[in-house]
């Protein structure tokens, strides 16, 4: 799915509340450094997009005020770019200019990496626990016109294989097929919190779980009975992957809900936190193994 269509956060006003919303307990983010000396940011690692952006000190949006902002003048290795960017999401946008700098991810250093420096951000970004987004998908999805960071890691010899992985946490319930009876295509995306699918299939799954759905599409279940809920079995290329209720039930201060939402098929973090997921970009393959 393209970035313009991707649901990143719930709306903050009005009657529309996109599902899924970003849930902190099902969001995968970590620290990276940009510049010399490194300025440290928390970024969402997103396998469904290719752009990399963080707030800049020139941002006047209220959303930037609660996050770390990149200072161009504080980095001795920063180079200004010539492109501007604007990335639209269902619930908002990020826009600004681009630049190039050294980026530190773990123990790896990536030279001359394009970075989007947000001058404007939508209000919904005010409450997320991360500062920016680091896209890990194919270059063709980039709005910034540069090479995504993972490809630069490979091109600069920082990694031995053109693949990356992360620990992440046919569909049947109790032997009954509840979705994808004739097969279906799905995207694996760490930037999506829930498991997403067509409304008919998702409603069927939630019905089997005894969930009650509200006007916003949120499917609630009793927190007291989660242990009695069944496993949901995903059959992928002939292999079964069981999803227990501990993985697909989301608990918050307001109660418990299932991690399923309406849209086109996406296996988001509800699925990925249960299975170690390896993305083999060189061979266009995705592999799964039980997370330990």
Protein backbone atom coordinates (compact mmCIF):
# COMPACT_ATOMS: atom_id res chain seq x y z
CA UNK A 1 0.00 0.00 0.00
CA UNK A 2 1.23 3.46 -0.81
CA UNK A 3 2.09 5.98 1.94
CA UNK A 4 -0.91 8.11 0.92
CA UNK A 5 -3.23 5.26 1.88
CA UNK A 6 -1.50 4.00 4.99
CA UNK A 7 -3.23 4.49 8.34
CA UNK A 8 -0.59 5.62 10.79
CA UNK A 9 -2.49 7.07 13.72
CA UNK A 10 -6.05 7.55 14.91
CA UNK A 11 -7.77 10.83 14.15
CA UNK A 12 -7.88 13.23 17.04
CA UNK A 13 -11.13 14.98 16.23
CA UNK A 14 -14.46 14.33 14.58
CA UNK A 15 -16.28 11.04 14.06
CA UNK A 16 -13.65 9.33 11.96
CA UNK A 17 -11.23 7.09 13.76
CA UNK A 18 -9.04 5.09 11.40
CA UNK A 19 -8.31 1.51 12.42
CA UNK A 20 -5.69 0.53 13.24
CA UNK A 21 -4.37 3.24 15.48
CA UNK A 22 -0.82 3.28 16.69
CA UNK A 23 -0.59 1.35 19.94
CA UNK A 24 2.62 1.95 21.89
CA UNK A 25 2.79 -1.68 23.00
CA UNK A 26 2.63 -2.84 19.35
CA UNK A 27 4.96 -0.25 17.86
CA UNK A 28 8.58 -1.04 17.08
CA UNK A 29 10.91 1.90 17.47
CA UNK A 30 14.48 2.44 18.56
CA UNK A 31 17.27 4.97 18.87
CA UNK A 32 19.46 6.16 16.01
CA UNK A 33 21.98 8.99 15.73
CA UNK A 34 22.18 11.65 13.02
CA UNK A 35 25.16 13.92 12.39
CA UNK A 36 28.53 14.65 14.00
CA UNK A 37 28.34 14.49 16.95
CA UNK A 38 25.28 12.21 16.76
CA UNK A 39 21.94 13.75 17.66
CA UNK A 40 19.84 10.92 19.11
CA UNK A 41 16.28 10.25 17.94
CA UNK A 42 13.67 7.58 18.50
CA UNK A 43 12.32 6.41 15.14
CA UNK A 44 9.58 4.03 14.06
CA UNK A 45 11.09 1.25 11.94
CA UNK A 46 8.63 0.93 9.07
CA UNK A 47 8.82 -1.87 6.50
CA UNK A 48 5.93 -0.35 4.54
CA UNK A 49 7.62 2.91 3.50
CA UNK A 50 11.00 4.07 2.21
CA UNK A 51 11.43 7.59 3.54
CA UNK A 52 13.41 8.67 6.60
CA UNK A 53 12.44 11.86 8.38
CA UNK A 54 12.74 13.55 11.78
CA UNK A 55 11.61 16.95 13.10
CA UNK A 56 13.96 19.89 12.54
CA UNK A 57 14.62 22.92 14.72
CA UNK A 58 12.92 25.06 12.06
CA UNK A 59 9.60 23.29 12.69
CA UNK A 60 6.91 25.55 14.14
CA UNK A 61 4.16 22.93 14.41
CA UNK A 62 3.01 22.16 17.93
CA UNK A 63 3.62 18.44 17.29
CA UNK A 64 7.35 19.06 16.99
CA UNK A 65 7.57 20.65 20.42
CA UNK A 66 7.28 17.34 22.27
CA UNK A 67 10.01 15.64 20.25
CA UNK A 68 13.73 15.86 19.62
CA UNK A 69 14.47 18.21 16.71
CA UNK A 70 17.50 18.01 14.43
CA UNK A 71 19.81 21.03 14.38
CA UNK A 72 21.57 21.46 11.04
CA UNK A 73 24.15 23.85 12.49
CA UNK A 74 25.07 21.45 15.32
CA UNK A 75 26.34 18.79 12.89
CA UNK A 76 29.73 19.30 11.24
CA UNK A 77 28.93 16.71 8.55
CA UNK A 78 25.49 17.97 7.49
CA UNK A 79 24.94 18.84 3.82
CA UNK A 80 21.83 20.66 2.66
CA UNK A 81 19.75 18.99 -0.04
CA UNK A 82 17.81 20.55 -2.90
CA UNK A 83 14.54 18.62 -2.60
CA UNK A 84 11.44 19.25 -0.56
CA UNK A 85 9.07 16.50 0.49
CA UNK A 86 5.53 16.02 1.71
CA UNK A 87 4.28 12.64 2.88
CA UNK A 88 0.53 12.35 3.45
CA UNK A 89 -1.02 9.80 5.78
CA UNK A 90 -4.67 9.04 6.49
CA UNK A 91 -4.52 11.15 9.65
CA UNK A 92 -2.07 13.85 8.62
CA UNK A 93 1.27 14.61 7.02
CA UNK A 94 4.95 15.46 7.39
CA UNK A 95 6.64 18.00 5.13
CA UNK A 96 9.94 19.82 4.91
CA UNK A 97 13.30 19.82 3.17
CA UNK A 98 15.95 17.16 2.69
CA UNK A 99 19.58 16.96 3.68
CA UNK A 100 22.44 14.47 3.92
CA UNK A 101 24.39 13.33 6.95
CA UNK A 102 26.02 10.39 8.71
CA UNK A 103 23.46 8.14 10.38
CA UNK A 104 24.31 5.71 13.18
CA UNK A 105 22.09 2.63 13.60
CA UNK A 106 23.36 0.36 16.36
CA UNK A 107 27.07 -0.09 15.64
CA UNK A 108 26.71 0.75 11.94
CA UNK A 109 27.48 4.12 10.34
CA UNK A 110 25.87 5.10 7.03
CA UNK A 111 27.51 7.94 5.10
CA UNK A 112 25.69 10.59 3.07
CA UNK A 113 22.22 9.35 3.97
CA UNK A 114 19.27 11.41 2.80
CA UNK A 115 17.12 12.61 5.71
CA UNK A 116 13.83 14.47 5.58
CA UNK A 117 13.82 17.39 8.02
CA UNK A 118 10.26 18.22 8.95
CA UNK A 119 9.28 21.88 9.02
CA UNK A 120 5.61 20.97 9.44
CA UNK A 121 3.88 18.03 11.12
CA UNK A 122 0.24 17.16 11.67
CA UNK A 123 -1.06 17.38 15.23
CA UNK A 124 -1.55 13.61 15.54
CA UNK A 125 2.24 13.20 15.76
CA UNK A 126 2.25 15.11 19.05
CA UNK A 127 1.34 12.04 21.12
CA UNK A 128 3.38 9.27 19.48
CA UNK A 129 6.36 7.91 21.47
CA UNK A 130 8.82 8.27 18.57
CA UNK A 131 10.27 11.36 16.90
CA UNK A 132 10.34 10.29 13.26
CA UNK A 133 10.01 7.40 10.82
CA UNK A 134 12.79 5.30 9.29
CA UNK A 135 11.49 3.51 6.18
CA UNK A 136 12.97 0.13 5.22
CA UNK A 137 11.05 -0.62 2.01
CA UNK A 138 12.00 -0.47 -1.68
CA UNK A 139 13.42 2.72 -3.26
CA UNK A 140 10.44 3.04 -5.61
CA UNK A 141 8.22 4.06 -2.69
CA UNK A 142 10.42 7.03 -1.72
CA UNK A 143 8.94 10.54 -1.80
CA UNK A 144 12.31 12.13 -1.03
CA UNK A 145 14.07 10.93 -4.17
CA UNK A 146 16.99 9.29 -2.38
CA UNK A 147 18.31 5.85 -1.53
CA UNK A 148 16.68 4.28 1.56
CA UNK A 149 19.02 3.67 4.48
CA UNK A 150 18.98 -0.12 4.27
CA UNK A 151 20.13 -0.05 0.65
CA UNK A 152 22.93 2.34 1.59
CA UNK A 153 24.01 -0.06 4.34
CA UNK A 154 24.32 -2.79 1.71
CA UNK A 155 25.97 -0.57 -0.90
CA UNK A 156 28.55 0.69 1.61
CA UNK A 157 29.43 -2.83 2.78
CA UNK A 158 28.03 -2.43 6.28
CA UNK A 159 26.00 -5.65 6.18
CA UNK A 160 26.96 -9.05 4.73
CA UNK A 161 23.59 -9.82 3.15
CA UNK A 162 20.96 -7.69 1.47
CA UNK A 163 18.37 -8.60 4.07
CA UNK A 164 17.20 -7.38 7.47
CA UNK A 165 15.22 -8.90 10.29
CA UNK A 166 13.49 -7.96 13.53
CA UNK A 167 11.92 -9.77 16.47
CA UNK A 168 8.21 -9.18 16.41
CA UNK A 169 5.93 -10.43 18.38
CA UNK A 170 -5.33 -19.09 5.16
CA UNK A 171 -6.92 -18.22 8.60
CA UNK A 172 -8.79 -20.76 10.74
CA UNK A 173 -10.27 -20.89 14.24
CA UNK A 174 -10.85 -24.30 15.83
CA UNK A 175 -10.43 -25.92 12.43
CA UNK A 176 -13.01 -23.66 10.76
CA UNK A 177 -11.89 -21.42 7.90
CA UNK A 178 -12.84 -17.85 8.84
CA UNK A 179 -11.01 -15.85 6.14
CA UNK A 180 -8.98 -16.25 2.92
CA UNK A 181 -10.77 -19.48 2.01
CA UNK A 182 -9.60 -19.17 -1.59
CA UNK A 183 -6.20 -17.69 -0.77
CA UNK A 184 -5.26 -14.02 -0.52
CA UNK A 185 -2.25 -11.75 -0.81
CA UNK A 186 -0.99 -9.88 2.24
CA UNK A 187 1.64 -7.25 3.00
CA UNK A 188 3.93 -7.63 6.02
CA UNK A 189 4.32 -4.16 7.51
CA UNK A 190 5.93 -3.14 10.81
CA UNK A 191 4.37 0.33 10.47
CA UNK A 192 0.87 -1.09 10.94
CA UNK A 193 -0.11 -1.99 14.48
CA UNK A 194 -2.92 -4.45 13.78
CA UNK A 195 -3.75 -7.25 11.37
CA UNK A 196 -5.83 -5.69 8.63
CA UNK A 197 -8.21 -7.38 6.20
CA UNK A 198 -11.46 -6.92 4.27
CA UNK A 199 -14.38 -5.95 6.51
CA UNK A 200 -16.29 -9.18 5.80
CA UNK A 201 -13.35 -11.35 6.88
CA UNK A 202 -12.44 -9.21 9.90
CA UNK A 203 -16.06 -9.15 11.09
CA UNK A 204 -16.15 -12.94 10.75
CA UNK A 205 -12.97 -13.33 12.81
CA UNK A 206 -14.22 -10.95 15.49
CA UNK A 207 -17.55 -12.78 15.51
CA UNK A 208 -15.82 -16.09 16.24
CA UNK A 209 -14.02 -14.36 19.11
CA UNK A 210 -17.28 -13.05 20.57
CA UNK A 211 -16.12 -9.45 20.17
CA UNK A 212 -18.56 -6.54 20.11
CA UNK A 213 -17.73 -3.84 17.56
CA UNK A 214 -18.39 -0.15 18.19
CA UNK A 215 -19.12 2.63 15.68
CA UNK A 216 -15.40 3.18 15.09
CA UNK A 217 -14.70 -0.46 14.25
CA UNK A 218 -13.04 -1.23 17.59
CA UNK A 219 -13.81 -4.85 18.56
CA UNK A 220 -13.96 -5.24 22.35
CA UNK A 221 -13.56 -8.44 24.35
CA UNK A 222 -13.66 -9.11 28.09
CA UNK A 223 -10.24 -8.81 29.71
CA UNK A 224 -11.27 -11.52 32.18
CA UNK A 225 -11.82 -14.13 29.47
CA UNK A 226 -8.83 -13.62 27.18
CA UNK A 227 -7.19 -16.90 28.23
CA UNK A 228 -10.22 -18.84 27.00
CA UNK A 229 -10.10 -17.34 23.51
CA UNK A 230 -8.91 -19.66 20.71
CA UNK A 231 -5.71 -19.61 18.70
CA UNK A 232 -6.04 -18.19 15.21
CA UNK A 233 -4.18 -20.21 12.58
CA UNK A 234 -2.59 -18.50 9.57
CA UNK A 235 -1.62 -20.85 6.76
CA UNK A 236 1.12 -19.28 4.64
CA UNK A 237 2.53 -21.24 1.72
CA UNK A 238 1.52 -24.52 3.35
CA UNK A 239 2.90 -23.69 6.80
CA UNK A 240 0.73 -23.01 9.84
CA UNK A 241 1.44 -20.04 12.11
CA UNK A 242 -0.62 -19.98 15.30
CA UNK A 243 -1.54 -16.66 16.88
CA UNK A 244 -2.54 -17.01 20.56
CA UNK A 245 -4.83 -14.53 22.34
CA UNK A 246 -1.80 -13.14 24.19
CA UNK A 247 -0.64 -11.81 20.80
CA UNK A 248 -3.89 -10.58 19.25
CA UNK A 249 -5.66 -9.08 22.29
CA UNK A 250 -4.64 -5.48 22.96
CA UNK A 251 -5.05 -4.30 26.54
CA UNK A 252 -5.26 -0.60 27.37
CA UNK A 253 -6.56 1.58 30.18
CA UNK A 254 -10.04 1.50 28.59
CA UNK A 255 -10.24 -2.30 28.32
CA UNK A 256 -9.36 -5.07 25.87
CA UNK A 257 -9.85 -5.24 22.12
CA UNK A 258 -8.81 -7.52 19.30
CA UNK A 259 -5.91 -6.52 17.07
CA UNK A 260 -7.91 -6.78 13.85
CA UNK A 261 -9.04 -3.90 11.64
CA UNK A 262 -10.63 -3.32 8.24
CA UNK A 263 -8.71 -2.64 5.02
CA UNK A 264 -6.56 -4.64 2.60
CA UNK A 265 -4.65 -7.60 4.02
CA UNK A 266 -1.68 -6.49 6.13
CA UNK A 267 0.12 -8.60 8.71
CA UNK A 268 1.14 -5.89 11.15
CA UNK A 269 2.89 -5.92 14.48
CA UNK A 270 0.22 -8.06 16.16
CA UNK A 271 1.50 -10.88 13.93
CA UNK A 272 5.14 -9.83 13.77
CA UNK A 273 5.71 -9.72 17.53
CA UNK A 274 4.79 -13.41 17.67
CA UNK A 275 7.16 -14.41 14.86
CA UNK A 276 10.71 -13.49 14.01
CA UNK A 277 10.41 -12.02 10.52
CA UNK A 278 13.25 -11.90 7.99
CA UNK A 279 13.02 -9.75 4.87
CA UNK A 280 15.31 -11.05 2.10
CA UNK A 281 15.33 -8.07 -0.24
CA UNK A 282 17.89 -9.58 -2.60
CA UNK A 283 15.57 -12.50 -3.39
CA UNK A 284 12.20 -10.79 -2.75
CA UNK A 285 11.30 -13.22 0.05
CA UNK A 286 9.91 -13.03 3.56
CA UNK A 287 10.56 -15.74 6.15
CA UNK A 288 9.00 -16.41 9.56
CA UNK A 289 10.18 -18.32 12.64
CA UNK A 290 8.80 -18.63 16.16
CA UNK A 291 9.96 -15.76 18.34
CA UNK A 292 11.73 -16.82 21.54
